[in-house]
Amino acid sequence: MFGKKTQQSSDLTSPENVKKGQQVYDRIVSGKCKTKDVTAELDATYGRKPKRG
């Protein structure tokens, strides 16, 4: 389709991404990650651009 951007999703079940996600989760539950930084940290971990809004 012309003029449409395609969104490529991350495979969150790959071993590499599971490990990355676990590390972020550990930071969240240990209190090392501030609440407002959680989304930004997950976006950075999985290589996603933050949503505008």
PDB file of N, CA and C in Angstrom:
ATOM      1  N   MET A   1       0.836  -1.173   0.000  1.00  0.00           N
ATOM      2  CA  MET A   1       0.000   0.000   0.000  1.00  0.00           C
ATOM      3  C   MET A   1       0.883   1.237   0.000  1.00  0.00           C
ATOM      4  N   PHE A   2       0.501   2.198  -0.779  1.00  0.00           N
ATOM      5  CA  PHE A   2       1.270   3.420  -0.880  1.00  0.00           C
ATOM      6  C   PHE A   2       0.904   4.381   0.239  1.00  0.00           C
ATOM      7  N   GLY A   3       1.923   5.045   0.781  1.00  0.00           N
ATOM      8  CA  GLY A   3       1.693   6.063   1.793  1.00  0.00           C
ATOM      9  C   GLY A   3       1.383   5.536   3.176  1.00  0.00           C
ATOM     10  N   LYS A   4       1.371   4.239   3.342  1.00  0.00           N
ATOM     11  CA  LYS A   4       1.093   3.666   4.659  1.00  0.00           C
ATOM     12  C   LYS A   4       2.397   3.156   5.245  1.00  0.00           C
ATOM     13  N   LYS A   5       2.581   3.472   6.510  1.00  0.00           N
ATOM     14  CA  LYS A   5       3.758   2.970   7.200  1.00  0.00           C
ATOM     15  C   LYS A   5       3.409   1.631   7.831  1.00  0.00           C
ATOM     16  N   THR A   6       4.331   0.714   7.730  1.00  0.00           N
ATOM     17  CA  THR A   6       4.106  -0.579   8.358  1.00  0.00           C
ATOM     18  C   THR A   6       4.806  -0.591   9.707  1.00  0.00           C
ATOM     19  N   GLN A   7       4.178  -1.203  10.665  1.00  0.00           N
ATOM     20  CA  GLN A   7       4.752  -1.308  11.990  1.00  0.00           C
ATOM     21  C   GLN A   7       5.284  -2.713  12.165  1.00  0.00           C
ATOM     22  N   GLN A   8       6.553  -2.785  12.448  1.00  0.00           N
ATOM     23  CA  GLN A   8       7.175  -4.086  12.639  1.00  0.00           C
ATOM     24  C   GLN A   8       7.149  -4.409  14.127  1.00  0.00           C
ATOM     25  N   SER A   9       6.557  -5.514  14.484  1.00  0.00           N
ATOM     26  CA  SER A   9       6.459  -5.865  15.892  1.00  0.00           C
ATOM     27  C   SER A   9       7.693  -6.648  16.321  1.00  0.00           C
ATOM     28  N   SER A  10       7.979  -6.547  17.600  1.00  0.00           N
ATOM     29  CA  SER A  10       9.104  -7.272  18.181  1.00  0.00           C
ATOM     30  C   SER A  10       8.629  -8.653  18.613  1.00  0.00           C
ATOM     31  N   ASP A  11       9.484  -9.628  18.451  1.00  0.00           N
ATOM     32  CA  ASP A  11       9.169 -10.961  18.958  1.00  0.00           C
ATOM     33  C   ASP A  11       9.585 -10.997  20.420  1.00  0.00           C
ATOM     34  N   LEU A  12       8.624 -10.768  21.299  1.00  0.00           N
ATOM     35  CA  LEU A  12       8.917 -10.688  22.718  1.00  0.00           C
ATOM     36  C   LEU A  12       9.188 -12.051  23.339  1.00  0.00           C
ATOM     37  N   THR A  13       8.998 -13.121  22.559  1.00  0.00           N
ATOM     38  CA  THR A  13       9.216 -14.465  23.091  1.00  0.00           C
ATOM     39  C   THR A  13      10.591 -15.025  22.744  1.00  0.00           C
ATOM     40  N   SER A  14      11.389 -14.269  21.980  1.00  0.00           N
ATOM     41  CA  SER A  14      12.729 -14.768  21.664  1.00  0.00           C
ATOM     42  C   SER A  14      13.565 -14.782  22.942  1.00  0.00           C
ATOM     43  N   PRO A  15      14.495 -15.705  23.055  1.00  0.00           N
ATOM     44  CA  PRO A  15      15.297 -15.798  24.277  1.00  0.00           C
ATOM     45  C   PRO A  15      15.993 -14.482  24.647  1.00  0.00           C
ATOM     46  N   GLU A  16      16.476 -13.752  23.646  1.00  0.00           N
ATOM     47  CA  GLU A  16      17.160 -12.486  23.917  1.00  0.00           C
ATOM     48  C   GLU A  16      16.205 -11.466  24.520  1.00  0.00           C
ATOM     49  N   ASN A  17      15.005 -11.356  23.943  1.00  0.00           N
ATOM     50  CA  ASN A  17      14.035 -10.383  24.432  1.00  0.00           C
ATOM     51  C   ASN A  17      13.444 -10.781  25.778  1.00  0.00           C
ATOM     52  N   VAL A  18      13.310 -12.076  26.027  1.00  0.00           N
ATOM     53  CA  VAL A  18      12.832 -12.526  27.339  1.00  0.00           C
ATOM     54  C   VAL A  18      13.849 -12.118  28.404  1.00  0.00           C
ATOM     55  N   LYS A  19      15.119 -12.306  28.107  1.00  0.00           N
ATOM     56  CA  LYS A  19      16.170 -11.937  29.057  1.00  0.00           C
ATOM     57  C   LYS A  19      16.168 -10.426  29.297  1.00  0.00           C
ATOM     58  N   LYS A  20      16.047  -9.637  28.235  1.00  0.00           N
ATOM     59  CA  LYS A  20      16.001  -8.180  28.370  1.00  0.00           C
ATOM     60  C   LYS A  20      14.797  -7.754  29.201  1.00  0.00           C
ATOM     61  N   GLY A  21      13.651  -8.348  28.912  1.00  0.00           N
ATOM     62  CA  GLY A  21      12.435  -8.018  29.645  1.00  0.00           C
ATOM     63  C   GLY A  21      12.542  -8.376  31.112  1.00  0.00           C
ATOM     64  N   GLN A  22      13.178  -9.492  31.409  1.00  0.00           N
ATOM     65  CA  GLN A  22      13.360  -9.905  32.801  1.00  0.00           C
ATOM     66  C   GLN A  22      14.245  -8.925  33.546  1.00  0.00           C
ATOM     67  N   GLN A  23      15.277  -8.420  32.870  1.00  0.00           N
ATOM     68  CA  GLN A  23      16.160  -7.448  33.506  1.00  0.00           C
ATOM     69  C   GLN A  23      15.410  -6.156  33.817  1.00  0.00           C
ATOM     70  N   VAL A  24      14.562  -5.702  32.899  1.00  0.00           N
ATOM     71  CA  VAL A  24      13.762  -4.500  33.143  1.00  0.00           C
ATOM     72  C   VAL A  24      12.780  -4.758  34.285  1.00  0.00           C
ATOM     73  N   TYR A  25      12.138  -5.906  34.266  1.00  0.00           N
ATOM     74  CA  TYR A  25      11.187  -6.263  35.328  1.00  0.00           C
ATOM     75  C   TYR A  25      11.881  -6.260  36.694  1.00  0.00           C
ATOM     76  N   ASP A  26      13.068  -6.838  36.750  1.00  0.00           N
ATOM     77  CA  ASP A  26      13.817  -6.875  38.010  1.00  0.00           C
ATOM     78  C   ASP A  26      14.114  -5.460  38.508  1.00  0.00           C
ATOM     79  N   ARG A  27      14.449  -4.554  37.580  1.00  0.00           N
ATOM     80  CA  ARG A  27      14.705  -3.160  37.967  1.00  0.00           C
ATOM     81  C   ARG A  27      13.433  -2.498  38.487  1.00  0.00           C
ATOM     82  N   ILE A  28      12.305  -2.808  37.874  1.00  0.00           N
ATOM     83  CA  ILE A  28      11.034  -2.211  38.290  1.00  0.00           C
ATOM     84  C   ILE A  28      10.672  -2.659  39.706  1.00  0.00           C
ATOM     85  N   VAL A  29      10.705  -3.977  39.958  1.00  0.00           N
ATOM     86  CA  VAL A  29      10.279  -4.487  41.266  1.00  0.00           C
ATOM     87  C   VAL A  29      11.275  -4.160  42.376  1.00  0.00           C
ATOM     88  N   SER A  30      12.528  -3.912  42.014  1.00  0.00           N
ATOM     89  CA  SER A  30      13.516  -3.567  43.032  1.00  0.00           C
ATOM     90  C   SER A  30      13.482  -2.079  43.368  1.00  0.00           C
ATOM     91  N   GLY A  31      12.719  -1.303  42.584  1.00  0.00           N
ATOM     92  CA  GLY A  31      12.606   0.125  42.842  1.00  0.00           C
ATOM     93  C   GLY A  31      13.685   0.954  42.176  1.00  0.00           C
ATOM     94  N   LYS A  32      14.519   0.340  41.351  1.00  0.00           N
ATOM     95  CA  LYS A  32      15.580   1.076  40.670  1.00  0.00           C
ATOM     96  C   LYS A  32      15.070   1.831  39.451  1.00  0.00           C
ATOM     97  N   CYS A  33      13.884   1.497  39.010  1.00  0.00           N
ATOM     98  CA  CYS A  33      13.287   2.149  37.850  1.00  0.00           C
ATOM     99  C   CYS A  33      12.104   2.976  38.332  1.00  0.00           C
ATOM    100  N   LYS A  34      12.145   4.257  38.060  1.00  0.00           N
ATOM    101  CA  LYS A  34      11.054   5.148  38.466  1.00  0.00           C
ATOM    102  C   LYS A  34       9.813   4.826  37.648  1.00  0.00           C
ATOM    103  N   THR A  35       8.646   5.038  38.229  1.00  0.00           N
ATOM    104  CA  THR A  35       7.377   4.720  37.559  1.00  0.00           C
ATOM    105  C   THR A  35       7.273   5.405  36.212  1.00  0.00           C
ATOM    106  N   LYS A  36       7.643   6.677  36.143  1.00  0.00           N
ATOM    107  CA  LYS A  36       7.514   7.407  34.880  1.00  0.00           C
ATOM    108  C   LYS A  36       8.517   6.935  33.831  1.00  0.00           C
ATOM    109  N   ASP A  37       9.550   6.229  34.245  1.00  0.00           N
ATOM    110  CA  ASP A  37      10.576   5.768  33.318  1.00  0.00           C
ATOM    111  C   ASP A  37      10.327   4.363  32.790  1.00  0.00           C
ATOM    112  N   VAL A  38       9.330   3.667  33.307  1.00  0.00           N
ATOM    113  CA  VAL A  38       9.088   2.280  32.929  1.00  0.00           C
ATOM    114  C   VAL A  38       8.814   2.150  31.436  1.00  0.00           C
ATOM    115  N   THR A  39       7.903   2.945  30.923  1.00  0.00           N
ATOM    116  CA  THR A  39       7.563   2.860  29.498  1.00  0.00           C
ATOM    117  C   THR A  39       8.763   3.200  28.633  1.00  0.00           C
ATOM    118  N   ALA A  40       9.482   4.242  28.996  1.00  0.00           N
ATOM    119  CA  ALA A  40      10.659   4.638  28.228  1.00  0.00           C
ATOM    120  C   ALA A  40      11.721   3.545  28.259  1.00  0.00           C
ATOM    121  N   GLU A  41      11.876   2.930  29.403  1.00  0.00           N
ATOM    122  CA  GLU A  41      12.874   1.869  29.519  1.00  0.00           C
ATOM    123  C   GLU A  41      12.485   0.647  28.685  1.00  0.00           C
ATOM    124  N   LEU A  42      11.210   0.281  28.712  1.00  0.00           N
ATOM    125  CA  LEU A  42      10.747  -0.842  27.893  1.00  0.00           C
ATOM    126  C   LEU A  42      10.869  -0.523  26.405  1.00  0.00           C
ATOM    127  N   ASP A  43      10.518   0.698  26.014  1.00  0.00           N
ATOM    128  CA  ASP A  43      10.660   1.104  24.615  1.00  0.00           C
ATOM    129  C   ASP A  43      12.113   0.989  24.169  1.00  0.00           C
ATOM    130  N   ALA A  44      13.021   1.481  25.000  1.00  0.00           N
ATOM    131  CA  ALA A  44      14.442   1.418  24.662  1.00  0.00           C
ATOM    132  C   ALA A  44      14.939  -0.024  24.607  1.00  0.00           C
ATOM    133  N   THR A  45      14.460  -0.846  25.516  1.00  0.00           N
ATOM    134  CA  THR A  45      14.887  -2.246  25.567  1.00  0.00           C
ATOM    135  C   THR A  45      14.520  -2.995  24.301  1.00  0.00           C
ATOM    136  N   TYR A  46      13.296  -2.757  23.827  1.00  0.00           N
ATOM    137  CA  TYR A  46      12.814  -3.486  22.657  1.00  0.00           C
ATOM    138  C   TYR A  46      12.967  -2.707  21.360  1.00  0.00           C
ATOM    139  N   GLY A  47      13.647  -1.559  21.408  1.00  0.00           N
ATOM    140  CA  GLY A  47      13.916  -0.795  20.203  1.00  0.00           C
ATOM    141  C   GLY A  47      12.695  -0.157  19.597  1.00  0.00           C
ATOM    142  N   ARG A  48      11.742   0.218  20.422  1.00  0.00           N
ATOM    143  CA  ARG A  48      10.519   0.861  19.932  1.00  0.00           C
ATOM    144  C   ARG A  48      10.619   2.358  20.126  1.00  0.00           C
ATOM    145  N   LYS A  49       9.899   3.067  19.288  1.00  0.00           N
ATOM    146  CA  LYS A  49       9.835   4.516  19.436  1.00  0.00           C
ATOM    147  C   LYS A  49       8.681   4.821  20.380  1.00  0.00           C
ATOM    148  N   PRO A  50       8.866   5.803  21.261  1.00  0.00           N
ATOM    149  CA  PRO A  50       7.773   6.148  22.177  1.00  0.00           C
ATOM    150  C   PRO A  50       6.558   6.674  21.433  1.00  0.00           C
ATOM    151  N   LYS A  51       5.385   6.394  21.990  1.00  0.00           N
ATOM    152  CA  LYS A  51       4.141   6.860  21.381  1.00  0.00           C
ATOM    153  C   LYS A  51       3.977   8.336  21.654  1.00  0.00           C
ATOM    154  N   ARG A  52       3.450   9.022  20.688  1.00  0.00           N
ATOM    155  CA  ARG A  52       3.139  10.442  20.882  1.00  0.00           C
ATOM    156  C   ARG A  52       1.776  10.546  21.499  1.00  0.00           C
ATOM    157  N   GLY A  53       1.604  11.570  22.310  1.00  0.00           N
ATOM    158  CA  GLY A  53       0.268  11.699  22.849  1.00  0.00           C
ATOM    159  C   GLY A  53       0.240  12.594  23.963  1.00  0.00           C
TER     160      GLY A  53
END
